[in-house]
Amino acid sequence: GMSASNPRRPNNWNLLVALLGFVVYYNLITLSQSWV
């Protein structure tokens, strides 16, 4: 779902946003460990 992009745009920020989402998700996994 996050790979969608507009081919008319010269810059593609999707990969950067996806990497940021990965970092957030991975931190949530670590947080779930501390919660339990």
Full PDB file with SEQRES, HELIX, SHEET, SSBOND, CRYST1, ORIGX, SCALE, CONECT and MASTER records, all heavy atoms in Angstrom:
SEQRES   1 A   36  GLY MET SER ALA SER ASN PRO ARG ARG PRO ASN ASN TRP          
SEQRES   2 A   36  ASN LEU LEU VAL ALA LEU LEU GLY PHE VAL VAL TYR TYR          
SEQRES   3 A   36  ASN LEU ILE THR LEU SER GLN SER TRP VAL                      
HELIX    1 AA1 ASN A   14  TRP A   35  1                                  22    
CRYST1    1.000    1.000    1.000  90.00  90.00  90.00 P 1           1          
ORIGX1      1.000000  0.000000  0.000000        0.00000                         
ORIGX2      0.000000  1.000000  0.000000        0.00000                         
ORIGX3      0.000000  0.000000  1.000000        0.00000                         
SCALE1      1.000000  0.000000  0.000000        0.00000                         
SCALE2      0.000000  1.000000  0.000000        0.00000                         
SCALE3      0.000000  0.000000  1.000000        0.00000                         
ATOM      1  N   GLY A   1       0.800  -1.224   0.000  1.00  0.00           N  
ATOM      2  CA  GLY A   1       0.000   0.000   0.000  1.00  0.00           C  
ATOM      3  C   GLY A   1       0.827   1.264   0.000  1.00  0.00           C  
ATOM      4  O   GLY A   1       0.404   2.278  -0.570  1.00  0.00           O  
ATOM      5  N   MET A   2       1.995   1.245   0.615  1.00  0.00           N  
ATOM      6  CA  MET A   2       2.826   2.454   0.701  1.00  0.00           C  
ATOM      7  C   MET A   2       3.688   2.677  -0.528  1.00  0.00           C  
ATOM      8  O   MET A   2       4.388   3.696  -0.616  1.00  0.00           O  
ATOM      9  CB  MET A   2       3.734   2.361   1.938  1.00  0.00           C  
ATOM     10  CG  MET A   2       2.977   2.309   3.252  1.00  0.00           C  
ATOM     11  SD  MET A   2       4.057   2.091   4.685  1.00  0.00           S  
ATOM     12  CE  MET A   2       4.917   3.662   4.671  1.00  0.00           C  
ATOM     13  N   SER A   3       3.671   1.776  -1.470  1.00  0.00           N  
ATOM     14  CA  SER A   3       4.520   1.921  -2.665  1.00  0.00           C  
ATOM     15  C   SER A   3       3.916   2.822  -3.724  1.00  0.00           C  
ATOM     16  O   SER A   3       4.596   3.164  -4.697  1.00  0.00           O  
ATOM     17  CB  SER A   3       4.791   0.541  -3.273  1.00  0.00           C  
ATOM     18  OG  SER A   3       3.576  -0.077  -3.669  1.00  0.00           O  
ATOM     19  N   ALA A   4       2.650   3.195  -3.575  1.00  0.00           N  
ATOM     20  CA  ALA A   4       1.991   4.006  -4.608  1.00  0.00           C  
ATOM     21  C   ALA A   4       2.653   5.374  -4.713  1.00  0.00           C  
ATOM     22  O   ALA A   4       2.985   6.001  -3.712  1.00  0.00           O  
ATOM     23  CB  ALA A   4       0.510   4.158  -4.278  1.00  0.00           C  
ATOM     24  N   SER A   5       2.870   5.820  -5.936  1.00  0.00           N  
ATOM     25  CA  SER A   5       3.488   7.117  -6.181  1.00  0.00           C  
ATOM     26  C   SER A   5       2.957   7.686  -7.489  1.00  0.00           C  
ATOM     27  O   SER A   5       2.407   6.964  -8.327  1.00  0.00           O  
ATOM     28  CB  SER A   5       5.016   7.003  -6.241  1.00  0.00           C  
ATOM     29  OG  SER A   5       5.413   6.166  -7.316  1.00  0.00           O  
ATOM     30  N   ASN A   6       3.143   8.979  -7.647  1.00  0.00           N  
ATOM     31  CA  ASN A   6       2.708   9.678  -8.858  1.00  0.00           C  
ATOM     32  C   ASN A   6       3.869   9.714  -9.846  1.00  0.00           C  
ATOM     33  O   ASN A   6       4.911  10.298  -9.562  1.00  0.00           O  
ATOM     34  CB  ASN A   6       2.257  11.093  -8.514  1.00  0.00           C  
ATOM     35  CG  ASN A   6       1.563  11.781  -9.682  1.00  0.00           C  
ATOM     36  OD1 ASN A   6       1.612  11.308 -10.812  1.00  0.00           O  
ATOM     37  ND2 ASN A   6       0.913  12.895  -9.395  1.00  0.00           N  
ATOM     38  N   PRO A   7       3.736   9.088 -11.012  1.00  0.00           N  
ATOM     39  CA  PRO A   7       4.861   9.075 -11.966  1.00  0.00           C  
ATOM     40  C   PRO A   7       5.205  10.455 -12.513  1.00  0.00           C  
ATOM     41  O   PRO A   7       6.287  10.631 -13.086  1.00  0.00           O  
ATOM     42  CB  PRO A   7       4.363   8.151 -13.089  1.00  0.00           C  
ATOM     43  CG  PRO A   7       2.883   8.179 -12.978  1.00  0.00           C  
ATOM     44  CD  PRO A   7       2.569   8.350 -11.528  1.00  0.00           C  
ATOM     45  N   ARG A   8       4.333  11.437 -12.341  1.00  0.00           N  
ATOM     46  CA  ARG A   8       4.610  12.783 -12.849  1.00  0.00           C  
ATOM     47  C   ARG A   8       5.495  13.584 -11.918  1.00  0.00           C  
ATOM     48  O   ARG A   8       5.999  14.636 -12.315  1.00  0.00           O  
ATOM     49  CB  ARG A   8       3.290  13.525 -13.067  1.00  0.00           C  
ATOM     50  CG  ARG A   8       2.405  12.875 -14.124  1.00  0.00           C  
ATOM     51  CD  ARG A   8       1.120  13.660 -14.319  1.00  0.00           C  
ATOM     52  NE  ARG A   8       0.264  13.033 -15.337  1.00  0.00           N  
ATOM     53  CZ  ARG A   8      -0.921  13.511 -15.707  1.00  0.00           C  
ATOM     54  NH1 ARG A   8      -1.402  14.620 -15.130  1.00  0.00           N  
ATOM     55  NH2 ARG A   8      -1.631  12.888 -16.623  1.00  0.00           N  
ATOM     56  N   ARG A   9       5.656  13.120 -10.690  1.00  0.00           N  
ATOM     57  CA  ARG A   9       6.497  13.841  -9.753  1.00  0.00           C  
ATOM     58  C   ARG A   9       7.955  13.450  -9.945  1.00  0.00           C  
ATOM     59  O   ARG A   9       8.283  12.267 -10.041  1.00  0.00           O  
ATOM     60  CB  ARG A   9       6.076  13.533  -8.316  1.00  0.00           C  
ATOM     61  CG  ARG A   9       4.691  14.085  -7.962  1.00  0.00           C  
ATOM     62  CD  ARG A   9       4.353  13.762  -6.525  1.00  0.00           C  
ATOM     63  NE  ARG A   9       3.025  14.251  -6.171  1.00  0.00           N  
ATOM     64  CZ  ARG A   9       2.455  14.069  -4.986  1.00  0.00           C  
ATOM     65  NH1 ARG A   9       3.106  13.374  -4.044  1.00  0.00           N  
ATOM     66  NH2 ARG A   9       1.251  14.538  -4.739  1.00  0.00           N  
ATOM     67  N   PRO A  10       8.862  14.438  -9.983  1.00  0.00           N  
ATOM     68  CA  PRO A  10      10.276  14.093 -10.198  1.00  0.00           C  
ATOM     69  C   PRO A  10      10.905  13.398  -8.994  1.00  0.00           C  
ATOM     70  O   PRO A  10      11.846  12.634  -9.146  1.00  0.00           O  
ATOM     71  CB  PRO A  10      10.936  15.455 -10.453  1.00  0.00           C  
ATOM     72  CG  PRO A  10      10.029  16.452  -9.778  1.00  0.00           C  
ATOM     73  CD  PRO A  10       8.645  15.892  -9.902  1.00  0.00           C  
ATOM     74  N   ASN A  11      10.399  13.682  -7.800  1.00  0.00           N  
ATOM     75  CA  ASN A  11      10.965  13.096  -6.583  1.00  0.00           C  
ATOM     76  C   ASN A  11      10.003  12.070  -6.003  1.00  0.00           C  
ATOM     77  O   ASN A  11       8.786  12.267  -6.018  1.00  0.00           O  
ATOM     78  CB  ASN A  11      11.246  14.183  -5.537  1.00  0.00           C  
ATOM     79  CG  ASN A  11      12.306  15.165  -6.005  1.00  0.00           C  
ATOM     80  OD1 ASN A  11      13.236  14.778  -6.700  1.00  0.00           O  
ATOM     81  ND2 ASN A  11      12.148  16.429  -5.644  1.00  0.00           N  
ATOM     82  N   ASN A  12      10.567  11.002  -5.482  1.00  0.00           N  
ATOM     83  CA  ASN A  12       9.762   9.944  -4.887  1.00  0.00           C  
ATOM     84  C   ASN A  12      10.169   9.793  -3.416  1.00  0.00           C  
ATOM     85  O   ASN A  12      11.272   9.361  -3.103  1.00  0.00           O  
ATOM     86  CB  ASN A  12       9.987   8.623  -5.631  1.00  0.00           C  
ATOM     87  CG  ASN A  12       9.082   7.522  -5.106  1.00  0.00           C  
ATOM     88  OD1 ASN A  12       8.110   7.791  -4.410  1.00  0.00           O  
ATOM     89  ND2 ASN A  12       9.405   6.296  -5.445  1.00  0.00           N  
ATOM     90  N   TRP A  13       9.251  10.190  -2.537  1.00  0.00           N  
ATOM     91  CA  TRP A  13       9.511  10.144  -1.109  1.00  0.00           C  
ATOM     92  C   TRP A  13       8.937   8.888  -0.466  1.00  0.00           C  
ATOM     93  O   TRP A  13       8.964   8.757   0.764  1.00  0.00           O  
ATOM     94  CB  TRP A  13       8.913  11.379  -0.428  1.00  0.00           C  
ATOM     95  CG  TRP A  13       9.565  12.654  -0.862  1.00  0.00           C  
ATOM     96  CD1 TRP A  13       9.163  13.477  -1.867  1.00  0.00           C  
ATOM     97  CD2 TRP A  13      10.750  13.244  -0.316  1.00  0.00           C  
ATOM     98  NE1 TRP A  13      10.013  14.545  -1.988  1.00  0.00           N  
ATOM     99  CE2 TRP A  13      10.996  14.433  -1.040  1.00  0.00           C  
ATOM    100  CE3 TRP A  13      11.619  12.886   0.715  1.00  0.00           C  
ATOM    101  CZ2 TRP A  13      12.074  15.262  -0.763  1.00  0.00           C  
ATOM    102  CZ3 TRP A  13      12.695  13.712   0.999  1.00  0.00           C  
ATOM    103  CH2 TRP A  13      12.912  14.879   0.268  1.00  0.00           C  
ATOM    104  N   ASN A  14       8.414   7.997  -1.260  1.00  0.00           N  
ATOM    105  CA  ASN A  14       7.746   6.830  -0.686  1.00  0.00           C  
ATOM    106  C   ASN A  14       8.704   5.945   0.108  1.00  0.00           C  
ATOM    107  O   ASN A  14       8.348   5.440   1.175  1.00  0.00           O  
ATOM    108  CB  ASN A  14       7.088   5.997  -1.791  1.00  0.00           C  
ATOM    109  CG  ASN A  14       5.859   6.688  -2.342  1.00  0.00           C  
ATOM    110  OD1 ASN A  14       5.759   7.908  -2.319  1.00  0.00           O  
ATOM    111  ND2 ASN A  14       4.902   5.918  -2.829  1.00  0.00           N  
ATOM    112  N   LEU A  15       9.901   5.753  -0.424  1.00  0.00           N  
ATOM    113  CA  LEU A  15      10.851   4.880   0.258  1.00  0.00           C  
ATOM    114  C   LEU A  15      11.280   5.479   1.590  1.00  0.00           C  
ATOM    115  O   LEU A  15      11.418   4.757   2.592  1.00  0.00           O  
ATOM    116  CB  LEU A  15      12.067   4.637  -0.635  1.00  0.00           C  
ATOM    117  CG  LEU A  15      13.102   3.642  -0.098  1.00  0.00           C  
ATOM    118  CD1 LEU A  15      12.463   2.287   0.166  1.00  0.00           C  
ATOM    119  CD2 LEU A  15      14.262   3.499  -1.076  1.00  0.00           C  
ATOM    120  N   LEU A  16      11.474   6.799   1.623  1.00  0.00           N  
ATOM    121  CA  LEU A  16      11.854   7.447   2.873  1.00  0.00           C  
ATOM    122  C   LEU A  16      10.738   7.340   3.905  1.00  0.00           C  
ATOM    123  O   LEU A  16      10.987   7.049   5.085  1.00  0.00           O  
ATOM    124  CB  LEU A  16      12.201   8.909   2.613  1.00  0.00           C  
ATOM    125  CG  LEU A  16      12.682   9.714   3.823  1.00  0.00           C  
ATOM    126  CD1 LEU A  16      13.950   9.101   4.400  1.00  0.00           C  
ATOM    127  CD2 LEU A  16      12.918  11.175   3.429  1.00  0.00           C  
ATOM    128  N   VAL A  17       9.505   7.553   3.474  1.00  0.00           N  
ATOM    129  CA  VAL A  17       8.363   7.416   4.383  1.00  0.00           C  
ATOM    130  C   VAL A  17       8.229   5.969   4.852  1.00  0.00           C  
ATOM    131  O   VAL A  17       7.909   5.697   6.018  1.00  0.00           O  
ATOM    132  CB  VAL A  17       7.077   7.905   3.690  1.00  0.00           C  
ATOM    133  CG1 VAL A  17       5.856   7.630   4.566  1.00  0.00           C  
ATOM    134  CG2 VAL A  17       7.177   9.385   3.369  1.00  0.00           C  
ATOM    135  N   ALA A  18       8.476   5.015   3.943  1.00  0.00           N  
ATOM    136  CA  ALA A  18       8.391   3.601   4.308  1.00  0.00           C  
ATOM    137  C   ALA A  18       9.450   3.239   5.349  1.00  0.00           C  
ATOM    138  O   ALA A  18       9.173   2.497   6.307  1.00  0.00           O  
ATOM    139  CB  ALA A  18       8.541   2.730   3.070  1.00  0.00           C  
ATOM    140  N   LEU A  19      10.664   3.745   5.203  1.00  0.00           N  
ATOM    141  CA  LEU A  19      11.716   3.477   6.189  1.00  0.00           C  
ATOM    142  C   LEU A  19      11.364   4.076   7.548  1.00  0.00           C  
ATOM    143  O   LEU A  19      11.615   3.464   8.590  1.00  0.00           O  
ATOM    144  CB  LEU A  19      13.049   4.030   5.689  1.00  0.00           C  
ATOM    145  CG  LEU A  19      13.670   3.315   4.484  1.00  0.00           C  
ATOM    146  CD1 LEU A  19      14.942   4.033   4.047  1.00  0.00           C  
ATOM    147  CD2 LEU A  19      13.967   1.866   4.811  1.00  0.00           C  
ATOM    148  N   LEU A  20      10.773   5.264   7.520  1.00  0.00           N  
ATOM    149  CA  LEU A  20      10.330   5.864   8.776  1.00  0.00           C  
ATOM    150  C   LEU A  20       9.236   5.013   9.430  1.00  0.00           C  
ATOM    151  O   LEU A  20       9.228   4.819  10.652  1.00  0.00           O  
ATOM    152  CB  LEU A  20       9.823   7.284   8.521  1.00  0.00           C  
ATOM    153  CG  LEU A  20       9.309   8.052   9.742  1.00  0.00           C  
ATOM    154  CD1 LEU A  20      10.419   8.230  10.764  1.00  0.00           C  
ATOM    155  CD2 LEU A  20       8.755   9.424   9.323  1.00  0.00           C  
ATOM    156  N   GLY A  21       8.314   4.500   8.611  1.00  0.00           N  
ATOM    157  CA  GLY A  21       7.285   3.612   9.145  1.00  0.00           C  
ATOM    158  C   GLY A  21       7.867   2.335   9.725  1.00  0.00           C  
ATOM    159  O   GLY A  21       7.369   1.829  10.740  1.00  0.00           O  
ATOM    160  N   PHE A  22       8.917   1.804   9.098  1.00  0.00           N  
ATOM    161  CA  PHE A  22       9.564   0.595   9.631  1.00  0.00           C  
ATOM    162  C   PHE A  22      10.170   0.867  10.998  1.00  0.00           C  
ATOM    163  O   PHE A  22      10.052   0.043  11.922  1.00  0.00           O  
ATOM    164  CB  PHE A  22      10.640   0.112   8.653  1.00  0.00           C  
ATOM    165  CG  PHE A  22      11.435  -1.064   9.165  1.00  0.00           C  
ATOM    166  CD1 PHE A  22      10.958  -2.347   9.014  1.00  0.00           C  
ATOM    167  CD2 PHE A  22      12.649  -0.870   9.807  1.00  0.00           C  
ATOM    168  CE1 PHE A  22      11.682  -3.434   9.490  1.00  0.00           C  
ATOM    169  CE2 PHE A  22      13.380  -1.950  10.283  1.00  0.00           C  
ATOM    170  CZ  PHE A  22      12.892  -3.235  10.123  1.00  0.00           C  
ATOM    171  N   VAL A  23      10.828   2.017  11.142  1.00  0.00           N  
ATOM    172  CA  VAL A  23      11.442   2.358  12.428  1.00  0.00           C  
ATOM    173  C   VAL A  23      10.374   2.488  13.513  1.00  0.00           C  
ATOM    174  O   VAL A  23      10.544   1.996  14.638  1.00  0.00           O  
ATOM    175  CB  VAL A  23      12.261   3.658  12.289  1.00  0.00           C  
ATOM    176  CG1 VAL A  23      12.758   4.129  13.648  1.00  0.00           C  
ATOM    177  CG2 VAL A  23      13.441   3.449  11.351  1.00  0.00           C  
ATOM    178  N   VAL A  24       9.261   3.136  13.181  1.00  0.00           N  
ATOM    179  CA  VAL A  24       8.180   3.294  14.157  1.00  0.00           C  
ATOM    180  C   VAL A  24       7.610   1.929  14.543  1.00  0.00           C  
ATOM    181  O   VAL A  24       7.375   1.643  15.728  1.00  0.00           O  
ATOM    182  CB  VAL A  24       7.094   4.217  13.589  1.00  0.00           C  
ATOM    183  CG1 VAL A  24       5.875   4.244  14.511  1.00  0.00           C  
ATOM    184  CG2 VAL A  24       7.626   5.626  13.391  1.00  0.00           C  
ATOM    185  N   TYR A  25       7.379   1.077  13.558  1.00  0.00           N  
ATOM    186  CA  TYR A  25       6.813  -0.237  13.829  1.00  0.00           C  
ATOM    187  C   TYR A  25       7.765  -1.086  14.668  1.00  0.00           C  
ATOM    188  O   TYR A  25       7.345  -1.775  15.614  1.00  0.00           O  
ATOM    189  CB  TYR A  25       6.487  -0.925  12.509  1.00  0.00           C  
ATOM    190  CG  TYR A  25       5.617  -2.155  12.634  1.00  0.00           C  
ATOM    191  CD1 TYR A  25       4.949  -2.450  13.814  1.00  0.00           C  
ATOM    192  CD2 TYR A  25       5.456  -3.027  11.567  1.00  0.00           C  
ATOM    193  CE1 TYR A  25       4.145  -3.572  13.929  1.00  0.00           C  
ATOM    194  CE2 TYR A  25       4.641  -4.154  11.665  1.00  0.00           C  
ATOM    195  CZ  TYR A  25       4.004  -4.415  12.857  1.00  0.00           C  
ATOM    196  OH  TYR A  25       3.211  -5.527  12.978  1.00  0.00           O  
ATOM    197  N   TYR A  26       9.032  -1.057  14.352  1.00  0.00           N  
ATOM    198  CA  TYR A  26      10.011  -1.837  15.113  1.00  0.00           C  
ATOM    199  C   TYR A  26      10.093  -1.344  16.555  1.00  0.00           C  
ATOM    200  O   TYR A  26      10.219  -2.144  17.494  1.00  0.00           O  
ATOM    201  CB  TYR A  26      11.382  -1.744  14.443  1.00  0.00           C  
ATOM    202  CG  TYR A  26      12.421  -2.659  15.051  1.00  0.00           C  
ATOM    203  CD1 TYR A  26      12.481  -4.005  14.717  1.00  0.00           C  
ATOM    204  CD2 TYR A  26      13.347  -2.167  15.974  1.00  0.00           C  
ATOM    205  CE1 TYR A  26      13.431  -4.840  15.285  1.00  0.00           C  
ATOM    206  CE2 TYR A  26      14.297  -2.998  16.539  1.00  0.00           C  
ATOM    207  CZ  TYR A  26      14.334  -4.338  16.190  1.00  0.00           C  
ATOM    208  OH  TYR A  26      15.266  -5.156  16.763  1.00  0.00           O  
ATOM    209  N   ASN A  27      10.021  -0.018  16.754  1.00  0.00           N  
ATOM    210  CA  ASN A  27      10.027   0.514  18.116  1.00  0.00           C  
ATOM    211  C   ASN A  27       8.770   0.102  18.877  1.00  0.00           C  
ATOM    212  O   ASN A  27       8.813  -0.111  20.103  1.00  0.00           O  
ATOM    213  CB  ASN A  27      10.160   2.029  18.091  1.00  0.00           C  
ATOM    214  CG  ASN A  27      11.550   2.483  17.697  1.00  0.00           C  
ATOM    215  OD1 ASN A  27      12.529   1.785  17.912  1.00  0.00           O  
ATOM    216  ND2 ASN A  27      11.649   3.656  17.093  1.00  0.00           N  
ATOM    217  N   LEU A  28       7.644   0.008  18.183  1.00  0.00           N  
ATOM    218  CA  LEU A  28       6.423  -0.456  18.832  1.00  0.00           C  
ATOM    219  C   LEU A  28       6.554  -1.910  19.274  1.00  0.00           C  
ATOM    220  O   LEU A  28       6.035  -2.299  20.328  1.00  0.00           O  
ATOM    221  CB  LEU A  28       5.227  -0.291  17.888  1.00  0.00           C  
ATOM    222  CG  LEU A  28       4.739   1.141  17.663  1.00  0.00           C  
ATOM    223  CD1 LEU A  28       3.612   1.162  16.636  1.00  0.00           C  
ATOM    224  CD2 LEU A  28       4.263   1.761  18.971  1.00  0.00           C  
ATOM    225  N   ILE A  29       7.234  -2.727  18.479  1.00  0.00           N  
ATOM    226  CA  ILE A  29       7.478  -4.120  18.881  1.00  0.00           C  
ATOM    227  C   ILE A  29       8.324  -4.167  20.155  1.00  0.00           C  
ATOM    228  O   ILE A  29       8.052  -4.949  21.076  1.00  0.00           O  
ATOM    229  CB  ILE A  29       8.158  -4.894  17.739  1.00  0.00           C  
ATOM    230  CG1 ILE A  29       7.227  -4.982  16.522  1.00  0.00           C  
ATOM    231  CG2 ILE A  29       8.564  -6.283  18.191  1.00  0.00           C  
ATOM    232  CD1 ILE A  29       7.853  -5.640  15.314  1.00  0.00           C  
ATOM    233  N   THR A  30       9.345  -3.310  20.221  1.00  0.00           N  
ATOM    234  CA  THR A  30      10.169  -3.249  21.430  1.00  0.00           C  
ATOM    235  C   THR A  30       9.368  -2.728  22.616  1.00  0.00           C  
ATOM    236  O   THR A  30       9.527  -3.200  23.752  1.00  0.00           O  
ATOM    237  CB  THR A  30      11.392  -2.365  21.175  1.00  0.00           C  
ATOM    238  OG1 THR A  30      12.091  -2.830  20.014  1.00  0.00           O  
ATOM    239  CG2 THR A  30      12.346  -2.408  22.358  1.00  0.00           C  
ATOM    240  N   LEU A  31       8.499  -1.751  22.368  1.00  0.00           N  
ATOM    241  CA  LEU A  31       7.659  -1.228  23.440  1.00  0.00           C  
ATOM    242  C   LEU A  31       6.692  -2.289  23.964  1.00  0.00           C  
ATOM    243  O   LEU A  31       6.432  -2.364  25.166  1.00  0.00           O  
ATOM    244  CB  LEU A  31       6.882  -0.012  22.947  1.00  0.00           C  
ATOM    245  CG  LEU A  31       7.630   1.324  22.927  1.00  0.00           C  
ATOM    246  CD1 LEU A  31       6.750   2.407  22.337  1.00  0.00           C  
ATOM    247  CD2 LEU A  31       8.082   1.712  24.325  1.00  0.00           C  
ATOM    248  N   SER A  32       6.164  -3.096  23.065  1.00  0.00           N  
ATOM    249  CA  SER A  32       5.260  -4.167  23.510  1.00  0.00           C  
ATOM    250  C   SER A  32       5.981  -5.144  24.431  1.00  0.00           C  
ATOM    251  O   SER A  32       5.384  -5.673  25.372  1.00  0.00           O  
ATOM    252  CB  SER A  32       4.677  -4.890  22.293  1.00  0.00           C  
ATOM    253  OG  SER A  32       5.688  -5.582  21.572  1.00  0.00           O  
ATOM    254  N   GLN A  33       7.261  -5.375  24.169  1.00  0.00           N  
ATOM    255  CA  GLN A  33       8.038  -6.241  25.061  1.00  0.00           C  
ATOM    256  C   GLN A  33       8.143  -5.624  26.449  1.00  0.00           C  
ATOM    257  O   GLN A  33       7.965  -6.314  27.464  1.00  0.00           O  
ATOM    258  CB  GLN A  33       9.436  -6.461  24.483  1.00  0.00           C  
ATOM    259  CG  GLN A  33      10.345  -7.289  25.371  1.00  0.00           C  
ATOM    260  CD  GLN A  33      11.761  -7.380  24.832  1.00  0.00           C  
ATOM    261  OE1 GLN A  33      12.113  -6.689  23.878  1.00  0.00           O  
ATOM    262  NE2 GLN A  33      12.580  -8.213  25.446  1.00  0.00           N  
ATOM    263  N   SER A  34       8.416  -4.320  26.516  1.00  0.00           N  
ATOM    264  CA  SER A  34       8.520  -3.672  27.831  1.00  0.00           C  
ATOM    265  C   SER A  34       7.171  -3.607  28.534  1.00  0.00           C  
ATOM    266  O   SER A  34       7.105  -3.701  29.760  1.00  0.00           O  
ATOM    267  CB  SER A  34       9.103  -2.267  27.660  1.00  0.00           C  
ATOM    268  OG  SER A  34       8.243  -1.454  26.880  1.00  0.00           O  
ATOM    269  N   TRP A  35       6.083  -3.457  27.774  1.00  0.00           N  
ATOM    270  CA  TRP A  35       4.752  -3.436  28.390  1.00  0.00           C  
ATOM    271  C   TRP A  35       4.447  -4.771  29.071  1.00  0.00           C  
ATOM    272  O   TRP A  35       3.944  -4.808  30.190  1.00  0.00           O  
ATOM    273  CB  TRP A  35       3.692  -3.137  27.339  1.00  0.00           C  
ATOM    274  CG  TRP A  35       3.755  -1.751  26.784  1.00  0.00           C  
ATOM    275  CD1 TRP A  35       4.333  -0.659  27.367  1.00  0.00           C  
ATOM    276  CD2 TRP A  35       3.257  -1.310  25.520  1.00  0.00           C  
ATOM    277  NE1 TRP A  35       4.223   0.437  26.542  1.00  0.00           N  
ATOM    278  CE2 TRP A  35       3.570   0.072  25.410  1.00  0.00           C  
ATOM    279  CE3 TRP A  35       2.578  -1.936  24.475  1.00  0.00           C  
ATOM    280  CZ2 TRP A  35       3.219   0.821  24.296  1.00  0.00           C  
ATOM    281  CZ3 TRP A  35       2.226  -1.191  23.365  1.00  0.00           C  
ATOM    282  CH2 TRP A  35       2.543   0.173  23.285  1.00  0.00           C  
ATOM    283  N   VAL A  36       4.747  -5.861  28.370  1.00  0.00           N  
ATOM    284  CA  VAL A  36       4.472  -7.182  28.936  1.00  0.00           C  
ATOM    285  C   VAL A  36       5.434  -7.477  30.080  1.00  0.00           C  
ATOM    286  O   VAL A  36       5.037  -8.016  31.119  1.00  0.00           O  
ATOM    287  CB  VAL A  36       4.562  -8.262  27.841  1.00  0.00           C  
ATOM    288  CG1 VAL A  36       4.361  -9.647  28.434  1.00  0.00           C  
ATOM    289  CG2 VAL A  36       3.526  -8.001  26.755  1.00  0.00           C  
TER     290      VAL A  36                                                      
MASTER        0    0    0    1    0    0    0    6  289    1    0    3          
END                                                                             
